[in-house]
C-alpha atoms as a PDB file:
ATOM      1  CA  UNK A   1     -18.790  -8.466   5.371  1.00  0.00           C
ATOM      2  CA  UNK A   2     -15.219  -9.721   5.387  1.00  0.00           C
ATOM      3  CA  UNK A   3     -13.901 -11.779   2.490  1.00  0.00           C
ATOM      4  CA  UNK A   4     -12.804 -14.832   4.438  1.00  0.00           C
ATOM      5  CA  UNK A   5     -11.038 -16.221   1.379  1.00  0.00           C
ATOM      6  CA  UNK A   6      -8.480 -13.495   2.048  1.00  0.00           C
ATOM      7  CA  UNK A   7      -5.946 -14.890   4.570  1.00  0.00           C
ATOM      8  CA  UNK A   8      -5.265 -11.479   6.159  1.00  0.00           C
ATOM      9  CA  UNK A   9      -8.960 -10.814   6.704  1.00  0.00           C
ATOM     10  CA  UNK A  10      -9.446 -14.355   8.008  1.00  0.00           C
ATOM     11  CA  UNK A  11      -6.700 -13.709  10.608  1.00  0.00           C
ATOM     12  CA  UNK A  12      -8.545 -10.557  11.688  1.00  0.00           C
ATOM     13  CA  UNK A  13     -11.815 -12.494  11.948  1.00  0.00           C
ATOM     14  CA  UNK A  14     -10.050 -15.149  14.042  1.00  0.00           C
ATOM     15  CA  UNK A  15      -8.595 -12.379  16.204  1.00  0.00           C
ATOM     16  CA  UNK A  16     -12.039 -10.880  16.762  1.00  0.00           C
ATOM     17  CA  UNK A  17     -13.311 -14.306  17.814  1.00  0.00           C
ATOM     18  CA  UNK A  18     -10.383 -14.725  20.235  1.00  0.00           C
ATOM     19  CA  UNK A  19     -11.065 -11.264  21.628  1.00  0.00           C
ATOM     20  CA  UNK A  20     -14.771 -12.053  22.126  1.00  0.00           C
ATOM     21  CA  UNK A  21     -13.869 -15.321  23.848  1.00  0.00           C
ATOM     22  CA  UNK A  22     -11.594 -13.570  26.349  1.00  0.00           C
ATOM     23  CA  UNK A  23      -8.237 -14.455  24.808  1.00  0.00           C
ATOM     24  CA  UNK A  24      -6.703 -10.995  24.294  1.00  0.00           C
ATOM     25  CA  UNK A  25      -3.127 -12.246  23.901  1.00  0.00           C
ATOM     26  CA  UNK A  26      -4.152 -14.600  21.113  1.00  0.00           C
ATOM     27  CA  UNK A  27      -6.218 -11.839  19.485  1.00  0.00           C
ATOM     28  CA  UNK A  28      -3.237  -9.487  19.525  1.00  0.00           C
ATOM     29  CA  UNK A  29      -0.979 -12.174  18.018  1.00  0.00           C
ATOM     30  CA  UNK A  30      -3.481 -12.841  15.223  1.00  0.00           C
ATOM     31  CA  UNK A  31      -3.879  -9.139  14.451  1.00  0.00           C
ATOM     32  CA  UNK A  32      -0.093  -8.718  14.400  1.00  0.00           C
ATOM     33  CA  UNK A  33       0.241 -11.676  12.046  1.00  0.00           C
ATOM     34  CA  UNK A  34      -2.389 -10.083   9.795  1.00  0.00           C
ATOM     35  CA  UNK A  35      -0.371  -6.851   9.834  1.00  0.00           C
ATOM     36  CA  UNK A  36       2.835  -8.672   8.975  1.00  0.00           C
ATOM     37  CA  UNK A  37       1.135 -10.563   6.112  1.00  0.00           C
ATOM     38  CA  UNK A  38      -0.640  -7.548   4.588  1.00  0.00           C
ATOM     39  CA  UNK A  39      -0.103  -7.337   0.858  1.00  0.00           C
ATOM     40  CA  UNK A  40      -1.853  -4.116  -0.078  1.00  0.00           C
ATOM     41  CA  UNK A  41      -3.304  -0.962   1.435  1.00  0.00           C
ATOM     42  CA  UNK A  42      -6.750  -2.475   1.988  1.00  0.00           C
ATOM     43  CA  UNK A  43      -5.288  -5.323   4.032  1.00  0.00           C
ATOM     44  CA  UNK A  44      -3.053  -2.806   5.811  1.00  0.00           C
ATOM     45  CA  UNK A  45      -6.060  -0.665   6.716  1.00  0.00           C
ATOM     46  CA  UNK A  46      -7.982  -3.614   8.143  1.00  0.00           C
ATOM     47  CA  UNK A  47      -5.024  -5.088  10.035  1.00  0.00           C
ATOM     48  CA  UNK A  48      -3.990  -1.713  11.512  1.00  0.00           C
ATOM     49  CA  UNK A  49      -7.600  -1.059  12.528  1.00  0.00           C
ATOM     50  CA  UNK A  50      -7.603  -4.267  14.547  1.00  0.00           C
ATOM     51  CA  UNK A  51      -4.108  -3.656  15.931  1.00  0.00           C
ATOM     52  CA  UNK A  52      -5.381  -0.321  17.270  1.00  0.00           C
ATOM     53  CA  UNK A  53      -8.162  -2.125  19.155  1.00  0.00           C
ATOM     54  CA  UNK A  54      -5.708  -4.088  21.309  1.00  0.00           C
ATOM     55  CA  UNK A  55      -3.457  -1.202  22.338  1.00  0.00           C
ATOM     56  CA  UNK A  56      -3.494  -0.097  25.959  1.00  0.00           C
ATOM     57  CA  UNK A  57      -1.051   2.791  25.536  1.00  0.00           C
ATOM     58  CA  UNK A  58      -2.963   5.771  24.084  1.00  0.00           C
ATOM     59  CA  UNK A  59       0.087   6.752  22.013  1.00  0.00           C
ATOM     60  CA  UNK A  60       0.093   3.314  20.359  1.00  0.00           C
ATOM     61  CA  UNK A  61      -3.691   3.406  19.962  1.00  0.00           C
ATOM     62  CA  UNK A  62      -3.271   6.749  18.179  1.00  0.00           C
ATOM     63  CA  UNK A  63      -0.378   5.492  16.057  1.00  0.00           C
ATOM     64  CA  UNK A  64      -2.263   2.415  14.834  1.00  0.00           C
ATOM     65  CA  UNK A  65      -5.418   4.411  14.049  1.00  0.00           C
ATOM     66  CA  UNK A  66      -3.328   6.876  12.056  1.00  0.00           C
ATOM     67  CA  UNK A  67      -1.646   3.977  10.262  1.00  0.00           C
ATOM     68  CA  UNK A  68      -5.054   2.549   9.358  1.00  0.00           C
ATOM     69  CA  UNK A  69      -6.149   5.993   8.097  1.00  0.00           C
ATOM     70  CA  UNK A  70      -3.010   6.283   5.978  1.00  0.00           C
ATOM     71  CA  UNK A  71      -3.782   2.945   4.340  1.00  0.00           C
ATOM     72  CA  UNK A  72      -7.495   3.793   3.957  1.00  0.00           C
ATOM     73  CA  UNK A  73      -6.563   7.023   2.179  1.00  0.00           C
ATOM     74  CA  UNK A  74      -4.315   5.039  -0.163  1.00  0.00           C
ATOM     75  CA  UNK A  75      -7.194   2.636  -0.955  1.00  0.00           C
ATOM     76  CA  UNK A  76      -9.585   5.495  -1.578  1.00  0.00           C
ATOM     77  CA  UNK A  77     -12.667   3.476  -2.524  1.00  0.00           C
ATOM     78  CA  UNK A  78     -15.904   2.163  -1.018  1.00  0.00           C
ATOM     79  CA  UNK A  79     -14.183  -0.817   0.635  1.00  0.00           C
ATOM     80  CA  UNK A  80     -12.852   1.487   3.353  1.00  0.00           C
ATOM     81  CA  UNK A  81     -15.671   4.053   3.539  1.00  0.00           C
ATOM     82  CA  UNK A  82     -17.232   2.558   6.665  1.00  0.00           C
ATOM     83  CA  UNK A  83     -13.840   2.404   8.420  1.00  0.00           C
ATOM     84  CA  UNK A  84     -13.373   6.185   8.485  1.00  0.00           C
ATOM     85  CA  UNK A  85     -15.827   7.018  11.303  1.00  0.00           C
ATOM     86  CA  UNK A  86     -14.320   4.361  13.561  1.00  0.00           C
ATOM     87  CA  UNK A  87     -10.746   5.350  12.759  1.00  0.00           C
ATOM     88  CA  UNK A  88     -11.399   9.050  13.351  1.00  0.00           C
ATOM     89  CA  UNK A  89     -13.232   8.252  16.605  1.00  0.00           C
ATOM     90  CA  UNK A  90     -10.187   6.204  17.626  1.00  0.00           C
ATOM     91  CA  UNK A  91      -7.909   9.155  16.913  1.00  0.00           C
ATOM     92  CA  UNK A  92     -10.259  11.444  18.869  1.00  0.00           C
ATOM     93  CA  UNK A  93     -10.374   9.108  21.874  1.00  0.00           C
ATOM     94  CA  UNK A  94      -6.591   8.797  21.908  1.00  0.00           C
ATOM     95  CA  UNK A  95      -6.213  12.569  21.672  1.00  0.00           C
ATOM     96  CA  UNK A  96      -8.579  12.998  24.607  1.00  0.00           C
ATOM     97  CA  UNK A  97      -6.587  10.481  26.657  1.00  0.00           C
ATOM     98  CA  UNK A  98      -3.388  12.342  25.714  1.00  0.00           C
ATOM     99  CA  UNK A  99      -4.891  15.685  26.837  1.00  0.00           C
ATOM    100  CA  UNK A 100      -5.161  17.080  23.297  1.00  0.00           C
ATOM    101  CA  UNK A 101      -8.728  18.435  23.147  1.00  0.00           C
ATOM    102  CA  UNK A 102      -8.073  20.339  19.902  1.00  0.00           C
ATOM    103  CA  UNK A 103      -6.869  17.158  18.188  1.00  0.00           C
ATOM    104  CA  UNK A 104      -9.869  15.262  19.571  1.00  0.00           C
ATOM    105  CA  UNK A 105     -12.310  17.950  18.428  1.00  0.00           C
ATOM    106  CA  UNK A 106     -10.839  17.902  14.909  1.00  0.00           C
ATOM    107  CA  UNK A 107     -10.955  14.095  14.732  1.00  0.00           C
ATOM    108  CA  UNK A 108     -14.592  13.988  15.884  1.00  0.00           C
ATOM    109  CA  UNK A 109     -15.400  16.567  13.188  1.00  0.00           C
ATOM    110  CA  UNK A 110     -13.709  14.351  10.558  1.00  0.00           C
ATOM    111  CA  UNK A 111     -15.647  11.337  11.862  1.00  0.00           C
ATOM    112  CA  UNK A 112     -18.913  13.280  11.561  1.00  0.00           C
ATOM    113  CA  UNK A 113     -18.235  13.853   7.858  1.00  0.00           C
ATOM    114  CA  UNK A 114     -18.119  10.081   7.308  1.00  0.00           C
ATOM    115  CA  UNK A 115     -21.009   8.793   9.466  1.00  0.00           C
ATOM    116  CA  UNK A 116     -23.229   8.490   6.399  1.00  0.00           C
ATOM    117  CA  UNK A 117     -21.113   5.506   5.312  1.00  0.00           C
ATOM    118  CA  UNK A 118     -21.956   3.565   8.479  1.00  0.00           C
ATOM    119  CA  UNK A 119     -24.316   0.624   8.201  1.00  0.00           C
ATOM    120  CA  UNK A 120     -27.694   0.601   9.887  1.00  0.00           C
ATOM    121  CA  UNK A 121     -27.799  -1.318  13.129  1.00  0.00           C
ATOM    122  CA  UNK A 122     -26.020  -1.486  16.453  1.00  0.00           C
ATOM    123  CA  UNK A 123     -22.443  -0.942  15.190  1.00  0.00           C
ATOM    124  CA  UNK A 124     -23.385   2.131  13.189  1.00  0.00           C
ATOM    125  CA  UNK A 125     -25.566   3.472  15.999  1.00  0.00           C
ATOM    126  CA  UNK A 126     -22.737   3.102  18.528  1.00  0.00           C
ATOM    127  CA  UNK A 127     -20.339   5.053  16.327  1.00  0.00           C
ATOM    128  CA  UNK A 128     -22.893   7.767  15.511  1.00  0.00           C
ATOM    129  CA  UNK A 129     -23.504   8.144  19.257  1.00  0.00           C
ATOM    130  CA  UNK A 130     -19.760   8.249  19.995  1.00  0.00           C
ATOM    131  CA  UNK A 131     -19.298  11.040  17.436  1.00  0.00           C
ATOM    132  CA  UNK A 132     -22.259  13.058  18.736  1.00  0.00           C
ATOM    133  CA  UNK A 133     -21.202  12.561  22.371  1.00  0.00           C
ATOM    134  CA  UNK A 134     -17.607  13.539  21.605  1.00  0.00           C
ATOM    135  CA  UNK A 135     -18.652  16.680  19.766  1.00  0.00           C
ATOM    136  CA  UNK A 136     -21.017  17.627  22.583  1.00  0.00           C
ATOM    137  CA  UNK A 137     -18.381  16.903  25.246  1.00  0.00           C
ATOM    138  CA  UNK A 138     -15.688  18.959  23.516  1.00  0.00           C
ATOM    139  CA  UNK A 139     -17.956  21.760  22.315  1.00  0.00           C
END
């Protein structure tokens, strides 16, 4: 659950709402503002994670996922544990789109290491399925 007393996380929450309501430009602006206002690696991880979501160019999608991973690694505690599967799946998907099956395979393998941190429920199930499907697809 996001700490909505944190202004950066509140911007991300507002961006997710805008995205769900079909306002992608507003969502992107809110995520960018969150990125620009980040004050530590945790906020950087969260903001970069959401910036990755709104990228159409696979190179930018890859860059933002790697940025989020860099910040998550710097945090290094349980606050970011559940981000790792999603971030590694994002890297894998970008690698696939950029015709880098070896990079995708490696990223799916890294995601698989972290799936135990995913919550029960639909979100966790979707990511577990994405990891399994990606590993099966890429052999």
